[in-house]
Amino acid sequence: MKRIPVDAYILDVLMRDLLGHDRMPSAFVLYLWLWRQTKGRRRQTIGASLQTIAGETGLSKSSVQNAARWLAFRGLIRARKSDPTEAPIYEVFETWKR
């Protein structure tokens, strides 16, 4: 299994904020998964359907959808679609690095 370095802020601050303050553990799981698929692989974006993400993370599709909305509201991700039936393209932000 390959090891990847994760920014300490994600574990020390973001985890506590999303789990404790926001009470959105699914948002933390989704952020970690999206971060791994993008920043962890040196990519800018990832296209993935709710079903794909749900299967990869163990979350339900509705939990993924709610978590994505919350992360977008918090400015941690952006999800774009050019067509309503297309899978979203996700971009992950590391707002603490500004």
PDB file of N, CA and C in Angstrom:
ATOM      1  N   MET A   1       0.839  -1.170   0.000  1.00  0.00           N
ATOM      2  CA  MET A   1       0.000   0.000   0.000  1.00  0.00           C
ATOM      3  C   MET A   1       0.885   1.235   0.000  1.00  0.00           C
ATOM      4  N   LYS A   2       0.569   2.157  -0.885  1.00  0.00           N
ATOM      5  CA  LYS A   2       1.331   3.395  -0.997  1.00  0.00           C
ATOM      6  C   LYS A   2       0.934   4.370   0.105  1.00  0.00           C
ATOM      7  N   ARG A   3       1.910   5.051   0.667  1.00  0.00           N
ATOM      8  CA  ARG A   3       1.657   6.076   1.681  1.00  0.00           C
ATOM      9  C   ARG A   3       1.614   7.433   1.005  1.00  0.00           C
ATOM     10  N   ILE A   4       0.724   8.277   1.496  1.00  0.00           N
ATOM     11  CA  ILE A   4       0.666   9.639   0.979  1.00  0.00           C
ATOM     12  C   ILE A   4       0.708  10.603   2.159  1.00  0.00           C
ATOM     13  N   PRO A   5       1.440  11.687   2.025  1.00  0.00           N
ATOM     14  CA  PRO A   5       1.451  12.681   3.105  1.00  0.00           C
ATOM     15  C   PRO A   5       0.162  13.507   3.063  1.00  0.00           C
ATOM     16  N   VAL A   6      -0.448  13.661   4.215  1.00  0.00           N
ATOM     17  CA  VAL A   6      -1.669  14.477   4.339  1.00  0.00           C
ATOM     18  C   VAL A   6      -1.316  15.703   5.158  1.00  0.00           C
ATOM     19  N   ASP A   7      -1.740  16.842   4.690  1.00  0.00           N
ATOM     20  CA  ASP A   7      -1.492  18.097   5.393  1.00  0.00           C
ATOM     21  C   ASP A   7      -2.018  17.977   6.827  1.00  0.00           C
ATOM     22  N   ALA A   8      -1.225  18.357   7.801  1.00  0.00           N
ATOM     23  CA  ALA A   8      -1.610  18.261   9.210  1.00  0.00           C
ATOM     24  C   ALA A   8      -2.886  19.033   9.502  1.00  0.00           C
ATOM     25  N   TYR A   9      -3.138  20.115   8.793  1.00  0.00           N
ATOM     26  CA  TYR A   9      -4.339  20.919   9.010  1.00  0.00           C
ATOM     27  C   TYR A   9      -5.599  20.078   8.817  1.00  0.00           C
ATOM     28  N   ILE A  10      -5.578  19.167   7.842  1.00  0.00           N
ATOM     29  CA  ILE A  10      -6.748  18.331   7.566  1.00  0.00           C
ATOM     30  C   ILE A  10      -7.109  17.495   8.791  1.00  0.00           C
ATOM     31  N   LEU A  11      -6.109  16.933   9.433  1.00  0.00           N
ATOM     32  CA  LEU A  11      -6.366  16.077  10.600  1.00  0.00           C
ATOM     33  C   LEU A  11      -6.489  16.855  11.899  1.00  0.00           C
ATOM     34  N   ASP A  12      -5.724  17.916  12.048  1.00  0.00           N
ATOM     35  CA  ASP A  12      -5.712  18.652  13.315  1.00  0.00           C
ATOM     36  C   ASP A  12      -6.843  19.658  13.451  1.00  0.00           C
ATOM     37  N   VAL A  13      -7.274  20.254  12.360  1.00  0.00           N
ATOM     38  CA  VAL A  13      -8.272  21.327  12.433  1.00  0.00           C
ATOM     39  C   VAL A  13      -9.557  20.976  11.688  1.00  0.00           C
ATOM     40  N   LEU A  14      -9.424  20.606  10.418  1.00  0.00           N
ATOM     41  CA  LEU A  14     -10.611  20.357   9.597  1.00  0.00           C
ATOM     42  C   LEU A  14     -11.447  19.199  10.135  1.00  0.00           C
ATOM     43  N   MET A  15     -10.789  18.134  10.570  1.00  0.00           N
ATOM     44  CA  MET A  15     -11.524  16.991  11.111  1.00  0.00           C
ATOM     45  C   MET A  15     -12.357  17.416  12.324  1.00  0.00           C
ATOM     46  N   ARG A  16     -11.734  18.110  13.254  1.00  0.00           N
ATOM     47  CA  ARG A  16     -12.449  18.565  14.450  1.00  0.00           C
ATOM     48  C   ARG A  16     -13.588  19.516  14.079  1.00  0.00           C
ATOM     49  N   ASP A  17     -13.346  20.385  13.106  1.00  0.00           N
ATOM     50  CA  ASP A  17     -14.342  21.359  12.698  1.00  0.00           C
ATOM     51  C   ASP A  17     -15.555  20.688  12.044  1.00  0.00           C
ATOM     52  N   LEU A  18     -15.310  19.775  11.099  1.00  0.00           N
ATOM     53  CA  LEU A  18     -16.416  19.121  10.397  1.00  0.00           C
ATOM     54  C   LEU A  18     -17.144  18.109  11.274  1.00  0.00           C
ATOM     55  N   LEU A  19     -16.420  17.384  12.124  1.00  0.00           N
ATOM     56  CA  LEU A  19     -17.065  16.386  12.967  1.00  0.00           C
ATOM     57  C   LEU A  19     -17.688  17.001  14.214  1.00  0.00           C
ATOM     58  N   GLY A  20     -16.926  17.814  14.919  1.00  0.00           N
ATOM     59  CA  GLY A  20     -17.407  18.358  16.188  1.00  0.00           C
ATOM     60  C   GLY A  20     -18.317  19.552  16.038  1.00  0.00           C
ATOM     61  N   HIS A  21     -17.870  20.551  15.321  1.00  0.00           N
ATOM     62  CA  HIS A  21     -18.643  21.789  15.206  1.00  0.00           C
ATOM     63  C   HIS A  21     -19.815  21.648  14.234  1.00  0.00           C
ATOM     64  N   ASP A  22     -19.539  21.162  13.021  1.00  0.00           N
ATOM     65  CA  ASP A  22     -20.587  21.060  11.997  1.00  0.00           C
ATOM     66  C   ASP A  22     -21.427  19.792  12.111  1.00  0.00           C
ATOM     67  N   ARG A  23     -20.915  18.803  12.836  1.00  0.00           N
ATOM     68  CA  ARG A  23     -21.587  17.505  12.972  1.00  0.00           C
ATOM     69  C   ARG A  23     -21.886  16.876  11.617  1.00  0.00           C
ATOM     70  N   MET A  24     -20.856  16.890  10.759  1.00  0.00           N
ATOM     71  CA  MET A  24     -20.966  16.366   9.399  1.00  0.00           C
ATOM     72  C   MET A  24     -19.809  15.397   9.106  1.00  0.00           C
ATOM     73  N   PRO A  25     -19.800  14.228   9.767  1.00  0.00           N
ATOM     74  CA  PRO A  25     -18.719  13.283   9.494  1.00  0.00           C
ATOM     75  C   PRO A  25     -18.659  12.865   8.027  1.00  0.00           C
ATOM     76  N   SER A  26     -19.812  12.813   7.361  1.00  0.00           N
ATOM     77  CA  SER A  26     -19.813  12.453   5.944  1.00  0.00           C
ATOM     78  C   SER A  26     -19.070  13.492   5.117  1.00  0.00           C
ATOM     79  N   ALA A  27     -19.120  14.749   5.525  1.00  0.00           N
ATOM     80  CA  ALA A  27     -18.392  15.801   4.813  1.00  0.00           C
ATOM     81  C   ALA A  27     -16.892  15.593   4.960  1.00  0.00           C
ATOM     82  N   PHE A  28     -16.449  15.171   6.132  1.00  0.00           N
ATOM     83  CA  PHE A  28     -15.027  14.910   6.321  1.00  0.00           C
ATOM     84  C   PHE A  28     -14.577  13.723   5.470  1.00  0.00           C
ATOM     85  N   VAL A  29     -15.364  12.657   5.463  1.00  0.00           N
ATOM     86  CA  VAL A  29     -15.044  11.477   4.647  1.00  0.00           C
ATOM     87  C   VAL A  29     -14.985  11.867   3.169  1.00  0.00           C
ATOM     88  N   LEU A  30     -15.971  12.627   2.715  1.00  0.00           N
ATOM     89  CA  LEU A  30     -15.993  13.053   1.314  1.00  0.00           C
ATOM     90  C   LEU A  30     -14.798  13.937   1.000  1.00  0.00           C
ATOM     91  N   TYR A  31     -14.471  14.872   1.886  1.00  0.00           N
ATOM     92  CA  TYR A  31     -13.329  15.744   1.641  1.00  0.00           C
ATOM     93  C   TYR A  31     -12.047  14.912   1.522  1.00  0.00           C
ATOM     94  N   LEU A  32     -11.859  13.969   2.429  1.00  0.00           N
ATOM     95  CA  LEU A  32     -10.666  13.115   2.359  1.00  0.00           C
ATOM     96  C   LEU A  32     -10.604  12.335   1.049  1.00  0.00           C
ATOM     97  N   TRP A  33     -11.723  11.782   0.627  1.00  0.00           N
ATOM     98  CA  TRP A  33     -11.755  11.010  -0.614  1.00  0.00           C
ATOM     99  C   TRP A  33     -11.454  11.905  -1.814  1.00  0.00           C
ATOM    100  N   LEU A  34     -12.104  13.069  -1.862  1.00  0.00           N
ATOM    101  CA  LEU A  34     -11.855  13.994  -2.971  1.00  0.00           C
ATOM    102  C   LEU A  34     -10.421  14.511  -2.950  1.00  0.00           C
ATOM    103  N   TRP A  35      -9.907  14.795  -1.756  1.00  0.00           N
ATOM    104  CA  TRP A  35      -8.527  15.263  -1.639  1.00  0.00           C
ATOM    105  C   TRP A  35      -7.571  14.202  -2.182  1.00  0.00           C
ATOM    106  N   ARG A  36      -7.793  12.952  -1.813  1.00  0.00           N
ATOM    107  CA  ARG A  36      -6.935  11.850  -2.285  1.00  0.00           C
ATOM    108  C   ARG A  36      -6.973  11.732  -3.800  1.00  0.00           C
ATOM    109  N   GLN A  37      -8.166  11.876  -4.380  1.00  0.00           N
ATOM    110  CA  GLN A  37      -8.318  11.731  -5.825  1.00  0.00           C
ATOM    111  C   GLN A  37      -7.745  12.913  -6.598  1.00  0.00           C
ATOM    112  N   THR A  38      -7.591  14.051  -5.938  1.00  0.00           N
ATOM    113  CA  THR A  38      -7.076  15.241  -6.619  1.00  0.00           C
ATOM    114  C   THR A  38      -5.684  15.586  -6.110  1.00  0.00           C
ATOM    115  N   LYS A  39      -5.588  16.287  -5.032  1.00  0.00           N
ATOM    116  CA  LYS A  39      -4.301  16.741  -4.484  1.00  0.00           C
ATOM    117  C   LYS A  39      -3.355  15.577  -4.224  1.00  0.00           C
ATOM    118  N   GLY A  40      -3.884  14.475  -3.723  1.00  0.00           N
ATOM    119  CA  GLY A  40      -3.064  13.306  -3.428  1.00  0.00           C
ATOM    120  C   GLY A  40      -2.499  12.633  -4.663  1.00  0.00           C
ATOM    121  N   ARG A  41      -3.050  12.948  -5.829  1.00  0.00           N
ATOM    122  CA  ARG A  41      -2.561  12.401  -7.097  1.00  0.00           C
ATOM    123  C   ARG A  41      -2.085  13.501  -8.043  1.00  0.00           C
ATOM    124  N   ARG A  42      -1.895  14.682  -7.451  1.00  0.00           N
ATOM    125  CA  ARG A  42      -1.414  15.857  -8.197  1.00  0.00           C
ATOM    126  C   ARG A  42      -2.297  16.195  -9.387  1.00  0.00           C
ATOM    127  N   ARG A  43      -3.610  16.167  -9.152  1.00  0.00           N
ATOM    128  CA  ARG A  43      -4.600  16.540 -10.157  1.00  0.00           C
ATOM    129  C   ARG A  43      -5.360  17.765  -9.665  1.00  0.00           C
ATOM    130  N   GLN A  44      -5.929  18.491 -10.587  1.00  0.00           N
ATOM    131  CA  GLN A  44      -6.738  19.657 -10.236  1.00  0.00           C
ATOM    132  C   GLN A  44      -8.186  19.272  -9.958  1.00  0.00           C
ATOM    133  N   THR A  45      -8.721  18.324 -10.730  1.00  0.00           N
ATOM    134  CA  THR A  45     -10.138  17.968 -10.622  1.00  0.00           C
ATOM    135  C   THR A  45     -10.317  16.460 -10.753  1.00  0.00           C
ATOM    136  N   ILE A  46     -11.525  16.021 -10.385  1.00  0.00           N
ATOM    137  CA  ILE A  46     -11.922  14.627 -10.566  1.00  0.00           C
ATOM    138  C   ILE A  46     -13.403  14.608 -10.931  1.00  0.00           C
ATOM    139  N   GLY A  47     -13.741  13.850 -11.937  1.00  0.00           N
ATOM    140  CA  GLY A  47     -15.144  13.642 -12.295  1.00  0.00           C
ATOM    141  C   GLY A  47     -15.617  12.344 -11.667  1.00  0.00           C
ATOM    142  N   ALA A  48     -16.703  12.406 -10.930  1.00  0.00           N
ATOM    143  CA  ALA A  48     -17.209  11.197 -10.270  1.00  0.00           C
ATOM    144  C   ALA A  48     -18.691  11.357  -9.969  1.00  0.00           C
ATOM    145  N   SER A  49     -19.441  10.314 -10.222  1.00  0.00           N
ATOM    146  CA  SER A  49     -20.868  10.325  -9.922  1.00  0.00           C
ATOM    147  C   SER A  49     -21.094  10.094  -8.433  1.00  0.00           C
ATOM    148  N   LEU A  50     -22.285  10.422  -7.975  1.00  0.00           N
ATOM    149  CA  LEU A  50     -22.643  10.150  -6.581  1.00  0.00           C
ATOM    150  C   LEU A  50     -22.534   8.659  -6.280  1.00  0.00           C
ATOM    151  N   GLN A  51     -22.961   7.840  -7.231  1.00  0.00           N
ATOM    152  CA  GLN A  51     -22.911   6.388  -7.055  1.00  0.00           C
ATOM    153  C   GLN A  51     -21.473   5.899  -6.906  1.00  0.00           C
ATOM    154  N   THR A  52     -20.571   6.427  -7.720  1.00  0.00           N
ATOM    155  CA  THR A  52     -19.160   6.041  -7.634  1.00  0.00           C
ATOM    156  C   THR A  52     -18.582   6.420  -6.282  1.00  0.00           C
ATOM    157  N   ILE A  53     -18.830   7.654  -5.867  1.00  0.00           N
ATOM    158  CA  ILE A  53     -18.297   8.118  -4.582  1.00  0.00           C
ATOM    159  C   ILE A  53     -18.889   7.309  -3.434  1.00  0.00           C
ATOM    160  N   ALA A  54     -20.191   7.055  -3.506  1.00  0.00           N
ATOM    161  CA  ALA A  54     -20.840   6.261  -2.457  1.00  0.00           C
ATOM    162  C   ALA A  54     -20.198   4.878  -2.359  1.00  0.00           C
ATOM    163  N   GLY A  55     -19.958   4.250  -3.492  1.00  0.00           N
ATOM    164  CA  GLY A  55     -19.338   2.928  -3.496  1.00  0.00           C
ATOM    165  C   GLY A  55     -17.920   2.943  -2.961  1.00  0.00           C
ATOM    166  N   GLU A  56     -17.180   4.001  -3.254  1.00  0.00           N
ATOM    167  CA  GLU A  56     -15.781   4.108  -2.817  1.00  0.00           C
ATOM    168  C   GLU A  56     -15.643   4.467  -1.338  1.00  0.00           C
ATOM    169  N   THR A  57     -16.597   5.230  -0.803  1.00  0.00           N
ATOM    170  CA  THR A  57     -16.484   5.721   0.570  1.00  0.00           C
ATOM    171  C   THR A  57     -17.319   4.942   1.581  1.00  0.00           C
ATOM    172  N   GLY A  58     -18.331   4.220   1.116  1.00  0.00           N
ATOM    173  CA  GLY A  58     -19.243   3.541   2.029  1.00  0.00           C
ATOM    174  C   GLY A  58     -20.384   4.419   2.491  1.00  0.00           C
ATOM    175  N   LEU A  59     -20.452   5.645   1.979  1.00  0.00           N
ATOM    176  CA  LEU A  59     -21.562   6.545   2.312  1.00  0.00           C
ATOM    177  C   LEU A  59     -22.745   6.260   1.389  1.00  0.00           C
ATOM    178  N   SER A  60     -23.928   6.682   1.785  1.00  0.00           N
ATOM    179  CA  SER A  60     -25.075   6.586   0.889  1.00  0.00           C
ATOM    180  C   SER A  60     -24.994   7.721  -0.129  1.00  0.00           C
ATOM    181  N   LYS A  61     -25.725   7.566  -1.242  1.00  0.00           N
ATOM    182  CA  LYS A  61     -25.728   8.622  -2.256  1.00  0.00           C
ATOM    183  C   LYS A  61     -26.256   9.933  -1.683  1.00  0.00           C
ATOM    184  N   SER A  62     -27.284   9.870  -0.858  1.00  0.00           N
ATOM    185  CA  SER A  62     -27.838  11.102  -0.283  1.00  0.00           C
ATOM    186  C   SER A  62     -26.846  11.747   0.688  1.00  0.00           C
ATOM    187  N   SER A  63     -26.087  10.933   1.412  1.00  0.00           N
ATOM    188  CA  SER A  63     -25.065  11.487   2.311  1.00  0.00           C
ATOM    189  C   SER A  63     -23.968  12.176   1.514  1.00  0.00           C
ATOM    190  N   VAL A  64     -23.575  11.576   0.391  1.00  0.00           N
ATOM    191  CA  VAL A  64     -22.570  12.196  -0.478  1.00  0.00           C
ATOM    192  C   VAL A  64     -23.099  13.529  -0.996  1.00  0.00           C
ATOM    193  N   GLN A  65     -24.337  13.539  -1.433  1.00  0.00           N
ATOM    194  CA  GLN A  65     -24.947  14.760  -1.972  1.00  0.00           C
ATOM    195  C   GLN A  65     -25.010  15.859  -0.904  1.00  0.00           C
ATOM    196  N   ASN A  66     -25.454  15.520   0.281  1.00  0.00           N
ATOM    197  CA  ASN A  66     -25.523  16.499   1.375  1.00  0.00           C
ATOM    198  C   ASN A  66     -24.133  16.980   1.782  1.00  0.00           C
ATOM    199  N   ALA A  67     -23.189  16.067   1.847  1.00  0.00           N
ATOM    200  CA  ALA A  67     -21.816  16.425   2.220  1.00  0.00           C
ATOM    201  C   ALA A  67     -21.202  17.349   1.171  1.00  0.00           C
ATOM    202  N   ALA A  68     -21.439  17.068  -0.102  1.00  0.00           N
ATOM    203  CA  ALA A  68     -20.909  17.911  -1.174  1.00  0.00           C
ATOM    204  C   ALA A  68     -21.493  19.319  -1.081  1.00  0.00           C
ATOM    205  N   ARG A  69     -22.781  19.400  -0.803  1.00  0.00           N
ATOM    206  CA  ARG A  69     -23.410  20.720  -0.629  1.00  0.00           C
ATOM    207  C   ARG A  69     -22.765  21.479   0.528  1.00  0.00           C
ATOM    208  N   TRP A  70     -22.525  20.780   1.630  1.00  0.00           N
ATOM    209  CA  TRP A  70     -21.941  21.418   2.807  1.00  0.00           C
ATOM    210  C   TRP A  70     -20.506  21.879   2.529  1.00  0.00           C
ATOM    211  N   LEU A  71     -19.727  21.025   1.906  1.00  0.00           N
ATOM    212  CA  LEU A  71     -18.343  21.391   1.595  1.00  0.00           C
ATOM    213  C   LEU A  71     -18.283  22.567   0.616  1.00  0.00           C
ATOM    214  N   ALA A  72     -19.207  22.600  -0.328  1.00  0.00           N
ATOM    215  CA  ALA A  72     -19.264  23.729  -1.267  1.00  0.00           C
ATOM    216  C   ALA A  72     -19.643  25.005  -0.517  1.00  0.00           C
ATOM    217  N   PHE A  73     -20.609  24.909   0.383  1.00  0.00           N
ATOM    218  CA  PHE A  73     -21.016  26.050   1.203  1.00  0.00           C
ATOM    219  C   PHE A  73     -19.840  26.572   2.022  1.00  0.00           C
ATOM    220  N   ARG A  74     -19.030  25.658   2.541  1.00  0.00           N
ATOM    221  CA  ARG A  74     -17.856  26.035   3.342  1.00  0.00           C
ATOM    222  C   ARG A  74     -16.685  26.513   2.487  1.00  0.00           C
ATOM    223  N   GLY A  75     -16.791  26.400   1.169  1.00  0.00           N
ATOM    224  CA  GLY A  75     -15.727  26.847   0.274  1.00  0.00           C
ATOM    225  C   GLY A  75     -14.570  25.873   0.166  1.00  0.00           C
ATOM    226  N   LEU A  76     -14.811  24.614   0.527  1.00  0.00           N
ATOM    227  CA  LEU A  76     -13.757  23.609   0.494  1.00  0.00           C
ATOM    228  C   LEU A  76     -13.711  22.833  -0.818  1.00  0.00           C
ATOM    229  N   ILE A  77     -14.821  22.815  -1.548  1.00  0.00           N
ATOM    230  CA  ILE A  77     -14.862  22.175  -2.860  1.00  0.00           C
ATOM    231  C   ILE A  77     -15.743  23.000  -3.790  1.00  0.00           C
ATOM    232  N   ARG A  78     -15.620  22.699  -5.077  1.00  0.00           N
ATOM    233  CA  ARG A  78     -16.557  23.216  -6.078  1.00  0.00           C
ATOM    234  C   ARG A  78     -16.947  22.029  -6.944  1.00  0.00           C
ATOM    235  N   ALA A  79     -18.238  21.885  -7.187  1.00  0.00           N
ATOM    236  CA  ALA A  79     -18.746  20.835  -8.062  1.00  0.00           C
ATOM    237  C   ALA A  79     -19.420  21.512  -9.251  1.00  0.00           C
ATOM    238  N   ARG A  80     -18.981  21.158 -10.444  1.00  0.00           N
ATOM    239  CA  ARG A  80     -19.537  21.759 -11.665  1.00  0.00           C
ATOM    240  C   ARG A  80     -20.104  20.672 -12.563  1.00  0.00           C
ATOM    241  N   LYS A  81     -21.173  21.035 -13.266  1.00  0.00           N
ATOM    242  CA  LYS A  81     -21.778  20.157 -14.268  1.00  0.00           C
ATOM    243  C   LYS A  81     -22.068  20.999 -15.502  1.00  0.00           C
ATOM    244  N   SER A  82     -21.771  20.464 -16.673  1.00  0.00           N
ATOM    245  CA  SER A  82     -22.145  21.179 -17.883  1.00  0.00           C
ATOM    246  C   SER A  82     -23.498  20.688 -18.390  1.00  0.00           C
ATOM    247  N   ASP A  83     -23.938  19.548 -17.896  1.00  0.00           N
ATOM    248  CA  ASP A  83     -25.209  18.949 -18.303  1.00  0.00           C
ATOM    249  C   ASP A  83     -25.838  18.293 -17.083  1.00  0.00           C
ATOM    250  N   PRO A  84     -27.151  18.391 -16.913  1.00  0.00           N
ATOM    251  CA  PRO A  84     -27.805  17.819 -15.719  1.00  0.00           C
ATOM    252  C   PRO A  84     -27.594  16.318 -15.528  1.00  0.00           C
ATOM    253  N   THR A  85     -27.363  15.581 -16.611  1.00  0.00           N
ATOM    254  CA  THR A  85     -27.186  14.129 -16.482  1.00  0.00           C
ATOM    255  C   THR A  85     -25.718  13.729 -16.369  1.00  0.00           C
ATOM    256  N   GLU A  86     -24.826  14.685 -16.421  1.00  0.00           N
ATOM    257  CA  GLU A  86     -23.390  14.426 -16.358  1.00  0.00           C
ATOM    258  C   GLU A  86     -22.917  14.322 -14.905  1.00  0.00           C
ATOM    259  N   ALA A  87     -21.898  13.499 -14.684  1.00  0.00           N
ATOM    260  CA  ALA A  87     -21.292  13.407 -13.345  1.00  0.00           C
ATOM    261  C   ALA A  87     -20.586  14.723 -13.035  1.00  0.00           C
ATOM    262  N   PRO A  88     -20.666  15.185 -11.801  1.00  0.00           N
ATOM    263  CA  PRO A  88     -19.990  16.434 -11.431  1.00  0.00           C
ATOM    264  C   PRO A  88     -18.466  16.330 -11.560  1.00  0.00           C
ATOM    265  N   ILE A  89     -17.859  17.464 -11.836  1.00  0.00           N
ATOM    266  CA  ILE A  89     -16.410  17.610 -11.812  1.00  0.00           C
ATOM    267  C   ILE A  89     -16.099  18.352 -10.514  1.00  0.00           C
ATOM    268  N   TYR A  90     -15.333  17.719  -9.643  1.00  0.00           N
ATOM    269  CA  TYR A  90     -15.025  18.290  -8.334  1.00  0.00           C
ATOM    270  C   TYR A  90     -13.636  18.909  -8.331  1.00  0.00           C
ATOM    271  N   GLU A  91     -13.543  20.066  -7.701  1.00  0.00           N
ATOM    272  CA  GLU A  91     -12.271  20.727  -7.459  1.00  0.00           C
ATOM    273  C   GLU A  91     -12.153  20.919  -5.952  1.00  0.00           C
ATOM    274  N   VAL A  92     -11.008  20.582  -5.396  1.00  0.00           N
ATOM    275  CA  VAL A  92     -10.795  20.646  -3.955  1.00  0.00           C
ATOM    276  C   VAL A  92      -9.907  21.849  -3.627  1.00  0.00           C
ATOM    277  N   PHE A  93     -10.316  22.594  -2.610  1.00  0.00           N
ATOM    278  CA  PHE A  93      -9.553  23.766  -2.181  1.00  0.00           C
ATOM    279  C   PHE A  93      -8.920  23.505  -0.827  1.00  0.00           C
ATOM    280  N   GLU A  94      -7.737  24.041  -0.661  1.00  0.00           N
ATOM    281  CA  GLU A  94      -7.050  24.014   0.629  1.00  0.00           C
ATOM    282  C   GLU A  94      -7.007  25.467   1.095  1.00  0.00           C
ATOM    283  N   THR A  95      -8.117  25.920   1.639  1.00  0.00           N
ATOM    284  CA  THR A  95      -8.301  27.351   1.951  1.00  0.00           C
ATOM    285  C   THR A  95      -7.295  27.866   2.976  1.00  0.00           C
ATOM    286  N   TRP A  96      -6.755  27.027   3.783  1.00  0.00           N
ATOM    287  CA  TRP A  96      -5.784  27.441   4.797  1.00  0.00           C
ATOM    288  C   TRP A  96      -4.424  27.781   4.177  1.00  0.00           C
ATOM    289  N   LYS A  97      -4.216  27.461   2.918  1.00  0.00           N
ATOM    290  CA  LYS A  97      -2.933  27.728   2.255  1.00  0.00           C
ATOM    291  C   LYS A  97      -2.921  29.044   1.472  1.00  0.00           C
ATOM    292  N   ARG A  98      -3.961  29.838   1.587  1.00  0.00           N
ATOM    293  CA  ARG A  98      -4.036  31.099   0.839  1.00  0.00           C
ATOM    294  C   ARG A  98      -2.993  32.074   1.267  1.00  0.00           C
TER     295      ARG A  98
END
